[in-house]
């Protein structure tokens, strides 16, 4: 394992090369991806230690996670929102996204008001509900029912200028490609969208580009760069676990996905992500190693994007 000094030096050179080749730097006329850093990648590490990693990893904002995957949302409550706001300002970081799975899609109103008022947050991410993995005509009925039930929550999001992004999670209704297509067809609000997770579409991997085009830019405010791995749900070697991240030897071909994102002129956030086992631990032992892994994934994505 590399020592701390060499790790920092290595990350610095990687970050420099990322910045030099980034479409953000290359010119405003080129399609570019907007990266956001997940606090959960660092487990329960202090928020103040994570914030400097945002710019280092080529990200433009942070996604604040709560327990069990991370605890930075709880840290914010403990330190006080005014202290957290100052900490973010000192590091030049915006808390643009708050991931709040425990609240569910029908429990977000109070949280949206808080994070909008104190942090000018843009998006809250959560899962959906049952029934599990419906398809066909049943999927259409469930999507219609969900959208109707979401109306008061969407109204608050519209009032605040925020977006609720619901993930296409396994064992929930917004899982099968049919459900996602009906969501694209029936959703009328720009304040509700999908947090698109390719790792939950591994059974339908070849359909991911079509799903992206069906949803379109307006329906995808947030997307994960993560793929399915045997290390997601059971203990495996670190090598297998890391295959969830782009560029670490997994089998997902990102080029058709990136081509689809380019076609729809995707302007939402992209989050390089993985699940460690058990949940709540950092994906790697040190801050430096985690950031280096994220930079490696970003470089892989940018190289793939340049080839489409």
C-alpha atoms as a PDB file:
ATOM      1  CA  UNK A   1       0.000   0.000   0.000  1.00  0.00           C
ATOM      2  CA  UNK A   2       1.386   3.432  -0.901  1.00  0.00           C
ATOM      3  CA  UNK A   3       2.265   5.769   1.943  1.00  0.00           C
ATOM      4  CA  UNK A   4       0.296   8.941   2.623  1.00  0.00           C
ATOM      5  CA  UNK A   5       2.783  11.329   0.996  1.00  0.00           C
ATOM      6  CA  UNK A   6       3.000   9.326  -2.220  1.00  0.00           C
ATOM      7  CA  UNK A   7      -0.780   8.899  -2.289  1.00  0.00           C
ATOM      8  CA  UNK A   8      -1.300  12.649  -2.097  1.00  0.00           C
ATOM      9  CA  UNK A   9       1.321  13.247  -4.790  1.00  0.00           C
ATOM     10  CA  UNK A  10      -0.317  10.646  -7.027  1.00  0.00           C
ATOM     11  CA  UNK A  11      -3.771  12.134  -6.528  1.00  0.00           C
ATOM     12  CA  UNK A  12      -2.447  15.595  -7.272  1.00  0.00           C
ATOM     13  CA  UNK A  13      -1.013  14.514 -10.614  1.00  0.00           C
ATOM     14  CA  UNK A  14      -4.211  12.648 -11.472  1.00  0.00           C
ATOM     15  CA  UNK A  15      -6.363  15.654 -10.606  1.00  0.00           C
ATOM     16  CA  UNK A  16      -4.160  17.849 -12.756  1.00  0.00           C
ATOM     17  CA  UNK A  17      -4.482  15.560 -15.749  1.00  0.00           C
ATOM     18  CA  UNK A  18      -8.262  15.370 -15.264  1.00  0.00           C
ATOM     19  CA  UNK A  19      -8.551  19.159 -15.191  1.00  0.00           C
ATOM     20  CA  UNK A  20      -6.374  19.506 -18.285  1.00  0.00           C
ATOM     21  CA  UNK A  21      -8.557  17.177 -20.350  1.00  0.00           C
ATOM     22  CA  UNK A  22     -11.936  18.073 -18.867  1.00  0.00           C
ATOM     23  CA  UNK A  23     -14.665  19.310 -21.237  1.00  0.00           C
ATOM     24  CA  UNK A  24     -15.360  21.970 -18.605  1.00  0.00           C
ATOM     25  CA  UNK A  25     -11.951  23.457 -19.403  1.00  0.00           C
ATOM     26  CA  UNK A  26     -11.969  22.544 -23.079  1.00  0.00           C
ATOM     27  CA  UNK A  27     -14.799  24.828 -24.055  1.00  0.00           C
ATOM     28  CA  UNK A  28     -18.435  25.650 -23.388  1.00  0.00           C
ATOM     29  CA  UNK A  29     -19.523  24.467 -26.837  1.00  0.00           C
ATOM     30  CA  UNK A  30     -18.629  20.865 -26.039  1.00  0.00           C
ATOM     31  CA  UNK A  31     -20.836  18.376 -24.220  1.00  0.00           C
ATOM     32  CA  UNK A  32     -19.597  17.887 -20.695  1.00  0.00           C
ATOM     33  CA  UNK A  33     -20.561  15.864 -17.666  1.00  0.00           C
ATOM     34  CA  UNK A  34     -21.203  17.488 -14.306  1.00  0.00           C
ATOM     35  CA  UNK A  35     -19.755  15.401 -11.505  1.00  0.00           C
ATOM     36  CA  UNK A  36     -20.942  15.420  -7.915  1.00  0.00           C
ATOM     37  CA  UNK A  37     -19.117  13.769  -5.021  1.00  0.00           C
ATOM     38  CA  UNK A  38     -20.968  11.354  -2.734  1.00  0.00           C
ATOM     39  CA  UNK A  39     -20.120  11.807   0.944  1.00  0.00           C
ATOM     40  CA  UNK A  40     -21.017   8.126   1.478  1.00  0.00           C
ATOM     41  CA  UNK A  41     -17.898   7.031  -0.400  1.00  0.00           C
ATOM     42  CA  UNK A  42     -15.997   8.143   2.703  1.00  0.00           C
ATOM     43  CA  UNK A  43     -18.189   6.269   5.169  1.00  0.00           C
ATOM     44  CA  UNK A  44     -18.562   8.178   8.426  1.00  0.00           C
ATOM     45  CA  UNK A  45     -15.493  10.370   7.954  1.00  0.00           C
ATOM     46  CA  UNK A  46     -15.896  14.007   9.078  1.00  0.00           C
ATOM     47  CA  UNK A  47     -17.557  16.350   6.599  1.00  0.00           C
ATOM     48  CA  UNK A  48     -14.745  18.868   7.059  1.00  0.00           C
ATOM     49  CA  UNK A  49     -12.257  16.242   5.812  1.00  0.00           C
ATOM     50  CA  UNK A  50     -14.389  15.334   2.802  1.00  0.00           C
ATOM     51  CA  UNK A  51     -15.136  18.835   1.504  1.00  0.00           C
ATOM     52  CA  UNK A  52     -11.621  19.527   0.118  1.00  0.00           C
ATOM     53  CA  UNK A  53     -11.988  16.341  -1.957  1.00  0.00           C
ATOM     54  CA  UNK A  54     -14.801  17.864  -4.023  1.00  0.00           C
ATOM     55  CA  UNK A  55     -12.589  20.016  -6.230  1.00  0.00           C
ATOM     56  CA  UNK A  56      -9.760  17.484  -6.048  1.00  0.00           C
ATOM     57  CA  UNK A  57     -11.946  14.822  -7.678  1.00  0.00           C
ATOM     58  CA  UNK A  58     -13.165  17.205 -10.371  1.00  0.00           C
ATOM     59  CA  UNK A  59     -16.630  17.524  -8.832  1.00  0.00           C
ATOM     60  CA  UNK A  60     -18.653  20.712  -8.695  1.00  0.00           C
ATOM     61  CA  UNK A  61     -20.755  19.932  -5.613  1.00  0.00           C
ATOM     62  CA  UNK A  62     -21.343  17.406  -2.842  1.00  0.00           C
ATOM     63  CA  UNK A  63     -24.166  14.919  -2.326  1.00  0.00           C
ATOM     64  CA  UNK A  64     -24.768  14.673   1.430  1.00  0.00           C
ATOM     65  CA  UNK A  65     -25.761  11.183   2.615  1.00  0.00           C
ATOM     66  CA  UNK A  66     -27.376  10.065   5.853  1.00  0.00           C
ATOM     67  CA  UNK A  67     -27.095   6.782   7.758  1.00  0.00           C
ATOM     68  CA  UNK A  68     -26.497   3.987   7.127  1.00  0.00           C
ATOM     69  CA  UNK A  69     -24.397   4.605   4.029  1.00  0.00           C
ATOM     70  CA  UNK A  70     -22.877   7.804   5.391  1.00  0.00           C
ATOM     71  CA  UNK A  71     -23.610  10.086   8.332  1.00  0.00           C
ATOM     72  CA  UNK A  72     -22.722  13.535   7.045  1.00  0.00           C
ATOM     73  CA  UNK A  73     -26.378  14.630   7.143  1.00  0.00           C
ATOM     74  CA  UNK A  74     -26.436  13.760  10.856  1.00  0.00           C
ATOM     75  CA  UNK A  75     -23.114  15.549  11.304  1.00  0.00           C
ATOM     76  CA  UNK A  76     -24.706  18.708   9.890  1.00  0.00           C
ATOM     77  CA  UNK A  77     -27.484  18.546  12.475  1.00  0.00           C
ATOM     78  CA  UNK A  78     -24.968  17.946  15.258  1.00  0.00           C
ATOM     79  CA  UNK A  79     -22.728  20.884  14.349  1.00  0.00           C
ATOM     80  CA  UNK A  80     -25.660  23.138  13.499  1.00  0.00           C
ATOM     81  CA  UNK A  81     -26.732  24.286  10.061  1.00  0.00           C
ATOM     82  CA  UNK A  82     -25.089  27.702  10.379  1.00  0.00           C
ATOM     83  CA  UNK A  83     -21.745  26.069  11.211  1.00  0.00           C
ATOM     84  CA  UNK A  84     -22.140  23.636   8.308  1.00  0.00           C
ATOM     85  CA  UNK A  85     -23.020  26.483   5.956  1.00  0.00           C
ATOM     86  CA  UNK A  86     -19.862  28.328   6.975  1.00  0.00           C
ATOM     87  CA  UNK A  87     -17.782  25.167   6.520  1.00  0.00           C
ATOM     88  CA  UNK A  88     -19.153  24.682   3.016  1.00  0.00           C
ATOM     89  CA  UNK A  89     -18.476  28.324   2.167  1.00  0.00           C
ATOM     90  CA  UNK A  90     -14.897  28.151   3.442  1.00  0.00           C
ATOM     91  CA  UNK A  91     -14.271  25.198   1.131  1.00  0.00           C
ATOM     92  CA  UNK A  92     -16.103  26.715  -1.830  1.00  0.00           C
ATOM     93  CA  UNK A  93     -18.494  23.757  -1.959  1.00  0.00           C
ATOM     94  CA  UNK A  94     -22.230  23.654  -2.591  1.00  0.00           C
ATOM     95  CA  UNK A  95     -24.359  20.971  -0.930  1.00  0.00           C
ATOM     96  CA  UNK A  96     -26.445  20.597  -4.074  1.00  0.00           C
ATOM     97  CA  UNK A  97     -27.938  17.182  -3.322  1.00  0.00           C
ATOM     98  CA  UNK A  98     -29.181  15.479  -0.170  1.00  0.00           C
ATOM     99  CA  UNK A  99     -29.754  11.728  -0.411  1.00  0.00           C
ATOM    100  CA  UNK A 100     -32.502  10.784   2.057  1.00  0.00           C
ATOM    101  CA  UNK A 101     -33.644   7.217   1.419  1.00  0.00           C
ATOM    102  CA  UNK A 102     -35.047   6.641   4.948  1.00  0.00           C
ATOM    103  CA  UNK A 103     -37.612   9.423   4.442  1.00  0.00           C
ATOM    104  CA  UNK A 104     -39.124   7.877   1.319  1.00  0.00           C
ATOM    105  CA  UNK A 105     -40.848   9.868  -1.436  1.00  0.00           C
ATOM    106  CA  UNK A 106     -43.755  10.926   0.777  1.00  0.00           C
ATOM    107  CA  UNK A 107     -41.681  12.192   3.706  1.00  0.00           C
ATOM    108  CA  UNK A 108     -39.503  14.829   2.069  1.00  0.00           C
ATOM    109  CA  UNK A 109     -41.375  18.096   2.564  1.00  0.00           C
ATOM    110  CA  UNK A 110     -39.784  19.172   5.859  1.00  0.00           C
ATOM    111  CA  UNK A 111     -36.334  18.123   4.647  1.00  0.00           C
ATOM    112  CA  UNK A 112     -36.709  20.031   1.383  1.00  0.00           C
ATOM    113  CA  UNK A 113     -37.641  23.187   3.253  1.00  0.00           C
ATOM    114  CA  UNK A 114     -34.647  22.835   5.590  1.00  0.00           C
ATOM    115  CA  UNK A 115     -31.972  22.113   3.018  1.00  0.00           C
ATOM    116  CA  UNK A 116     -33.277  24.704   0.582  1.00  0.00           C
ATOM    117  CA  UNK A 117     -33.385  27.428   3.222  1.00  0.00           C
ATOM    118  CA  UNK A 118     -29.997  26.666   4.755  1.00  0.00           C
ATOM    119  CA  UNK A 119     -27.968  25.345   1.806  1.00  0.00           C
ATOM    120  CA  UNK A 120     -29.841  26.332  -1.359  1.00  0.00           C
ATOM    121  CA  UNK A 121     -29.974  22.613  -2.189  1.00  0.00           C
ATOM    122  CA  UNK A 122     -31.209  21.633  -5.631  1.00  0.00           C
ATOM    123  CA  UNK A 123     -32.160  17.959  -5.386  1.00  0.00           C
ATOM    124  CA  UNK A 124     -33.305  15.408  -2.825  1.00  0.00           C
ATOM    125  CA  UNK A 125     -32.833  11.747  -3.737  1.00  0.00           C
ATOM    126  CA  UNK A 126     -34.847   8.817  -2.397  1.00  0.00           C
ATOM    127  CA  UNK A 127     -36.331   5.495  -3.453  1.00  0.00           C
ATOM    128  CA  UNK A 128     -39.925   4.785  -4.437  1.00  0.00           C
ATOM    129  CA  UNK A 129     -42.329   2.218  -2.970  1.00  0.00           C
ATOM    130  CA  UNK A 130     -43.933  -1.120  -3.801  1.00  0.00           C
ATOM    131  CA  UNK A 131     -45.312  -3.161  -5.452  1.00  0.00           C
ATOM    132  CA  UNK A 132     -42.084  -4.815  -6.448  1.00  0.00           C
ATOM    133  CA  UNK A 133     -40.739  -4.770 -10.007  1.00  0.00           C
ATOM    134  CA  UNK A 134     -44.043  -4.471 -11.878  1.00  0.00           C
ATOM    135  CA  UNK A 135     -44.160  -4.444 -15.676  1.00  0.00           C
ATOM    136  CA  UNK A 136     -46.597  -4.055 -18.553  1.00  0.00           C
ATOM    137  CA  UNK A 137     -50.042  -2.549 -17.923  1.00  0.00           C
ATOM    138  CA  UNK A 138     -49.638  -3.018 -14.185  1.00  0.00           C
ATOM    139  CA  UNK A 139     -46.567  -0.777 -14.317  1.00  0.00           C
ATOM    140  CA  UNK A 140     -48.595   1.977 -15.981  1.00  0.00           C
ATOM    141  CA  UNK A 141     -51.277   1.833 -13.278  1.00  0.00           C
ATOM    142  CA  UNK A 142     -48.715   1.954 -10.475  1.00  0.00           C
ATOM    143  CA  UNK A 143     -46.848   4.880 -12.053  1.00  0.00           C
ATOM    144  CA  UNK A 144     -50.120   6.798 -12.476  1.00  0.00           C
ATOM    145  CA  UNK A 145     -51.042   6.179  -8.846  1.00  0.00           C
ATOM    146  CA  UNK A 146     -47.589   7.235  -7.644  1.00  0.00           C
ATOM    147  CA  UNK A 147     -47.611  10.471  -9.651  1.00  0.00           C
ATOM    148  CA  UNK A 148     -51.037  11.360  -8.271  1.00  0.00           C
ATOM    149  CA  UNK A 149     -49.903  10.716  -4.697  1.00  0.00           C
ATOM    150  CA  UNK A 150     -46.770  12.797  -5.266  1.00  0.00           C
ATOM    151  CA  UNK A 151     -48.664  15.958  -6.275  1.00  0.00           C
ATOM    152  CA  UNK A 152     -48.502  17.736  -2.873  1.00  0.00           C
ATOM    153  CA  UNK A 153     -44.800  16.904  -2.575  1.00  0.00           C
ATOM    154  CA  UNK A 154     -44.112  18.076  -6.118  1.00  0.00           C
ATOM    155  CA  UNK A 155     -45.975  21.299  -5.314  1.00  0.00           C
ATOM    156  CA  UNK A 156     -43.518  22.037  -2.500  1.00  0.00           C
ATOM    157  CA  UNK A 157     -40.576  21.183  -4.761  1.00  0.00           C
ATOM    158  CA  UNK A 158     -41.958  23.605  -7.359  1.00  0.00           C
ATOM    159  CA  UNK A 159     -42.425  26.299  -4.719  1.00  0.00           C
ATOM    160  CA  UNK A 160     -38.791  25.915  -3.625  1.00  0.00           C
ATOM    161  CA  UNK A 161     -37.335  25.410  -7.087  1.00  0.00           C
ATOM    162  CA  UNK A 162     -36.072  21.948  -6.123  1.00  0.00           C
ATOM    163  CA  UNK A 163     -36.241  18.516  -7.748  1.00  0.00           C
ATOM    164  CA  UNK A 164     -37.231  15.206  -6.188  1.00  0.00           C
ATOM    165  CA  UNK A 165     -35.209  12.413  -7.816  1.00  0.00           C
ATOM    166  CA  UNK A 166     -36.493   8.879  -7.225  1.00  0.00           C
ATOM    167  CA  UNK A 167     -34.203   5.930  -7.876  1.00  0.00           C
ATOM    168  CA  UNK A 168     -35.048   2.951 -10.079  1.00  0.00           C
ATOM    169  CA  UNK A 169     -34.222   0.625  -7.193  1.00  0.00           C
ATOM    170  CA  UNK A 170     -34.675  -3.141  -7.228  1.00  0.00           C
ATOM    171  CA  UNK A 171     -37.668  -4.547  -5.324  1.00  0.00           C
ATOM    172  CA  UNK A 172     -39.587  -1.296  -5.880  1.00  0.00           C
ATOM    173  CA  UNK A 173     -42.024  -0.361  -8.619  1.00  0.00           C
ATOM    174  CA  UNK A 174     -39.686   1.916 -10.604  1.00  0.00           C
ATOM    175  CA  UNK A 175     -37.384  -0.941 -11.545  1.00  0.00           C
ATOM    176  CA  UNK A 176     -38.482  -2.579 -14.772  1.00  0.00           C
ATOM    177  CA  UNK A 177     -37.857  -0.686 -18.044  1.00  0.00           C
ATOM    178  CA  UNK A 178     -41.638  -0.616 -18.551  1.00  0.00           C
ATOM    179  CA  UNK A 179     -42.071   1.449 -15.379  1.00  0.00           C
ATOM    180  CA  UNK A 180     -39.358   3.865 -16.463  1.00  0.00           C
ATOM    181  CA  UNK A 181     -40.937   4.288 -19.897  1.00  0.00           C
ATOM    182  CA  UNK A 182     -44.339   4.982 -18.362  1.00  0.00           C
ATOM    183  CA  UNK A 183     -42.725   7.449 -15.973  1.00  0.00           C
ATOM    184  CA  UNK A 184     -41.278   9.277 -18.985  1.00  0.00           C
ATOM    185  CA  UNK A 185     -44.668   9.251 -20.698  1.00  0.00           C
ATOM    186  CA  UNK A 186     -46.790  10.304 -17.726  1.00  0.00           C
ATOM    187  CA  UNK A 187     -44.642  12.614 -15.614  1.00  0.00           C
ATOM    188  CA  UNK A 188     -45.600  16.227 -16.289  1.00  0.00           C
ATOM    189  CA  UNK A 189     -43.396  17.970 -13.725  1.00  0.00           C
ATOM    190  CA  UNK A 190     -39.826  19.166 -14.170  1.00  0.00           C
ATOM    191  CA  UNK A 191     -39.585  19.064 -10.369  1.00  0.00           C
ATOM    192  CA  UNK A 192     -39.797  15.272 -10.293  1.00  0.00           C
ATOM    193  CA  UNK A 193     -37.343  12.982 -12.023  1.00  0.00           C
ATOM    194  CA  UNK A 194     -35.381   9.750 -11.878  1.00  0.00           C
ATOM    195  CA  UNK A 195     -32.087   9.159 -10.090  1.00  0.00           C
ATOM    196  CA  UNK A 196     -30.987   6.718 -12.759  1.00  0.00           C
ATOM    197  CA  UNK A 197     -29.021   3.747 -11.439  1.00  0.00           C
ATOM    198  CA  UNK A 198     -27.515   1.451 -14.111  1.00  0.00           C
ATOM    199  CA  UNK A 199     -26.508  -1.083 -11.443  1.00  0.00           C
ATOM    200  CA  UNK A 200     -30.201  -1.804 -10.864  1.00  0.00           C
ATOM    201  CA  UNK A 201     -30.675  -2.359 -14.591  1.00  0.00           C
ATOM    202  CA  UNK A 202     -28.053  -5.074 -14.965  1.00  0.00           C
ATOM    203  CA  UNK A 203     -30.724  -7.567 -16.087  1.00  0.00           C
ATOM    204  CA  UNK A 204     -31.635  -5.104 -18.858  1.00  0.00           C
ATOM    205  CA  UNK A 205     -28.149  -3.789 -19.546  1.00  0.00           C
ATOM    206  CA  UNK A 206     -28.561  -3.531 -23.317  1.00  0.00           C
ATOM    207  CA  UNK A 207     -31.674  -1.368 -22.832  1.00  0.00           C
ATOM    208  CA  UNK A 208     -30.011   1.334 -20.719  1.00  0.00           C
ATOM    209  CA  UNK A 209     -29.238   3.691 -23.665  1.00  0.00           C
ATOM    210  CA  UNK A 210     -32.832   3.388 -24.911  1.00  0.00           C
ATOM    211  CA  UNK A 211     -34.162   4.066 -21.408  1.00  0.00           C
ATOM    212  CA  UNK A 212     -32.009   7.196 -21.220  1.00  0.00           C
ATOM    213  CA  UNK A 213     -33.360   8.436 -24.548  1.00  0.00           C
ATOM    214  CA  UNK A 214     -36.950   7.593 -23.532  1.00  0.00           C
ATOM    215  CA  UNK A 215     -36.620   9.527 -20.283  1.00  0.00           C
ATOM    216  CA  UNK A 216     -34.780  12.460 -21.836  1.00  0.00           C
ATOM    217  CA  UNK A 217     -32.862  15.195 -20.098  1.00  0.00           C
ATOM    218  CA  UNK A 218     -35.865  16.620 -18.233  1.00  0.00           C
ATOM    219  CA  UNK A 219     -36.557  13.320 -16.462  1.00  0.00           C
ATOM    220  CA  UNK A 220     -32.985  12.545 -15.337  1.00  0.00           C
ATOM    221  CA  UNK A 221     -31.708  15.201 -12.930  1.00  0.00           C
ATOM    222  CA  UNK A 222     -29.246  12.768 -11.360  1.00  0.00           C
ATOM    223  CA  UNK A 223     -27.392   9.643 -12.455  1.00  0.00           C
ATOM    224  CA  UNK A 224     -25.046   7.131 -10.857  1.00  0.00           C
ATOM    225  CA  UNK A 225     -21.952   5.801 -12.565  1.00  0.00           C
ATOM    226  CA  UNK A 226     -22.046   2.414 -10.889  1.00  0.00           C
ATOM    227  CA  UNK A 227     -22.502  -1.114 -12.174  1.00  0.00           C
ATOM    228  CA  UNK A 228     -23.669  -4.344 -10.627  1.00  0.00           C
ATOM    229  CA  UNK A 229     -21.113  -6.525  -8.865  1.00  0.00           C
ATOM    230  CA  UNK A 230     -21.256  -9.621  -6.695  1.00  0.00           C
ATOM    231  CA  UNK A 231     -19.597  -7.453  -4.060  1.00  0.00           C
ATOM    232  CA  UNK A 232     -22.665  -5.228  -3.663  1.00  0.00           C
ATOM    233  CA  UNK A 233     -24.663  -7.468  -1.356  1.00  0.00           C
ATOM    234  CA  UNK A 234     -22.246 -10.045  -0.011  1.00  0.00           C
ATOM    235  CA  UNK A 235     -18.692 -10.077   1.225  1.00  0.00           C
ATOM    236  CA  UNK A 236     -16.219 -10.428  -1.634  1.00  0.00           C
ATOM    237  CA  UNK A 237     -12.641  -9.504  -2.377  1.00  0.00           C
ATOM    238  CA  UNK A 238     -11.945  -5.788  -2.600  1.00  0.00           C
ATOM    239  CA  UNK A 239     -11.082  -6.265  -6.280  1.00  0.00           C
ATOM    240  CA  UNK A 240     -14.557  -7.644  -7.017  1.00  0.00           C
ATOM    241  CA  UNK A 241     -16.237  -5.025  -4.840  1.00  0.00           C
ATOM    242  CA  UNK A 242     -14.435  -2.203  -6.659  1.00  0.00           C
ATOM    243  CA  UNK A 243     -15.735  -3.459 -10.009  1.00  0.00           C
ATOM    244  CA  UNK A 244     -18.855  -1.425  -9.281  1.00  0.00           C
ATOM    245  CA  UNK A 245     -16.843   1.680 -10.192  1.00  0.00           C
ATOM    246  CA  UNK A 246     -16.046   2.667 -13.793  1.00  0.00           C
ATOM    247  CA  UNK A 247     -12.587   1.626 -14.903  1.00  0.00           C
ATOM    248  CA  UNK A 248     -12.101  -1.099 -12.306  1.00  0.00           C
ATOM    249  CA  UNK A 249     -12.655  -4.130 -14.516  1.00  0.00           C
ATOM    250  CA  UNK A 250     -16.426  -4.517 -14.483  1.00  0.00           C
ATOM    251  CA  UNK A 251     -18.319  -5.626 -17.569  1.00  0.00           C
ATOM    252  CA  UNK A 252     -20.534  -2.594 -18.264  1.00  0.00           C
ATOM    253  CA  UNK A 253     -19.792  -0.820 -21.544  1.00  0.00           C
ATOM    254  CA  UNK A 254     -20.212   2.871 -20.763  1.00  0.00           C
ATOM    255  CA  UNK A 255     -19.811   4.102 -24.331  1.00  0.00           C
ATOM    256  CA  UNK A 256     -23.427   3.449 -25.468  1.00  0.00           C
ATOM    257  CA  UNK A 257     -24.617   5.024 -22.212  1.00  0.00           C
ATOM    258  CA  UNK A 258     -22.447   8.098 -22.710  1.00  0.00           C
ATOM    259  CA  UNK A 259     -23.557   8.351 -26.331  1.00  0.00           C
ATOM    260  CA  UNK A 260     -27.178   8.384 -25.160  1.00  0.00           C
ATOM    261  CA  UNK A 261     -26.412  11.047 -22.546  1.00  0.00           C
ATOM    262  CA  UNK A 262     -24.732  13.110 -25.235  1.00  0.00           C
ATOM    263  CA  UNK A 263     -27.723  12.660 -27.554  1.00  0.00           C
ATOM    264  CA  UNK A 264     -30.168  13.998 -24.956  1.00  0.00           C
ATOM    265  CA  UNK A 265     -27.732  16.813 -24.032  1.00  0.00           C
ATOM    266  CA  UNK A 266     -27.712  15.589 -20.455  1.00  0.00           C
ATOM    267  CA  UNK A 267     -27.230  18.417 -17.961  1.00  0.00           C
ATOM    268  CA  UNK A 268     -27.892  16.677 -14.633  1.00  0.00           C
ATOM    269  CA  UNK A 269     -25.407  15.478 -12.049  1.00  0.00           C
ATOM    270  CA  UNK A 270     -23.277  12.334 -12.414  1.00  0.00           C
ATOM    271  CA  UNK A 271     -22.149  10.509  -9.278  1.00  0.00           C
ATOM    272  CA  UNK A 272     -19.333   7.957  -9.328  1.00  0.00           C
ATOM    273  CA  UNK A 273     -20.474   5.468  -6.726  1.00  0.00           C
ATOM    274  CA  UNK A 274     -20.234   2.018  -5.185  1.00  0.00           C
ATOM    275  CA  UNK A 275     -21.541   0.124  -2.170  1.00  0.00           C
ATOM    276  CA  UNK A 276     -18.993  -1.261   0.298  1.00  0.00           C
ATOM    277  CA  UNK A 277     -19.697  -4.235   2.525  1.00  0.00           C
ATOM    278  CA  UNK A 278     -20.826  -3.625   5.170  1.00  0.00           C
ATOM    279  CA  UNK A 279     -22.596  -0.339   4.482  1.00  0.00           C
ATOM    280  CA  UNK A 280     -21.310   2.732   6.294  1.00  0.00           C
ATOM    281  CA  UNK A 281     -17.597   2.030   5.976  1.00  0.00           C
ATOM    282  CA  UNK A 282     -15.292   3.965   3.614  1.00  0.00           C
ATOM    283  CA  UNK A 283     -14.817   2.238   0.260  1.00  0.00           C
ATOM    284  CA  UNK A 284     -11.049   2.196   0.920  1.00  0.00           C
ATOM    285  CA  UNK A 285      -9.030   2.694   4.129  1.00  0.00           C
ATOM    286  CA  UNK A 286      -7.839   6.276   3.614  1.00  0.00           C
ATOM    287  CA  UNK A 287      -9.208   9.567   2.342  1.00  0.00           C
ATOM    288  CA  UNK A 288      -6.436   9.721  -0.245  1.00  0.00           C
ATOM    289  CA  UNK A 289      -7.089   6.235  -1.615  1.00  0.00           C
ATOM    290  CA  UNK A 290     -10.814   6.927  -1.960  1.00  0.00           C
ATOM    291  CA  UNK A 291     -10.261  10.144  -3.893  1.00  0.00           C
ATOM    292  CA  UNK A 292      -7.663   8.476  -6.098  1.00  0.00           C
ATOM    293  CA  UNK A 293     -10.178   5.733  -6.984  1.00  0.00           C
ATOM    294  CA  UNK A 294     -12.841   8.321  -7.849  1.00  0.00           C
ATOM    295  CA  UNK A 295     -10.357  10.206 -10.037  1.00  0.00           C
ATOM    296  CA  UNK A 296      -9.458   6.965 -11.812  1.00  0.00           C
ATOM    297  CA  UNK A 297     -13.147   6.338 -12.545  1.00  0.00           C
ATOM    298  CA  UNK A 298     -13.645   9.868 -13.778  1.00  0.00           C
ATOM    299  CA  UNK A 299     -10.665   9.595 -16.121  1.00  0.00           C
ATOM    300  CA  UNK A 300     -12.096   6.335 -17.471  1.00  0.00           C
ATOM    301  CA  UNK A 301     -15.465   7.982 -18.116  1.00  0.00           C
ATOM    302  CA  UNK A 302     -13.889  11.029 -19.764  1.00  0.00           C
ATOM    303  CA  UNK A 303     -11.739   8.830 -22.008  1.00  0.00           C
ATOM    304  CA  UNK A 304     -14.806   6.810 -22.999  1.00  0.00           C
ATOM    305  CA  UNK A 305     -16.774  10.002 -23.652  1.00  0.00           C
ATOM    306  CA  UNK A 306     -14.034  11.303 -25.945  1.00  0.00           C
ATOM    307  CA  UNK A 307     -14.429   8.155 -28.045  1.00  0.00           C
ATOM    308  CA  UNK A 308     -18.173   8.459 -28.697  1.00  0.00           C
END
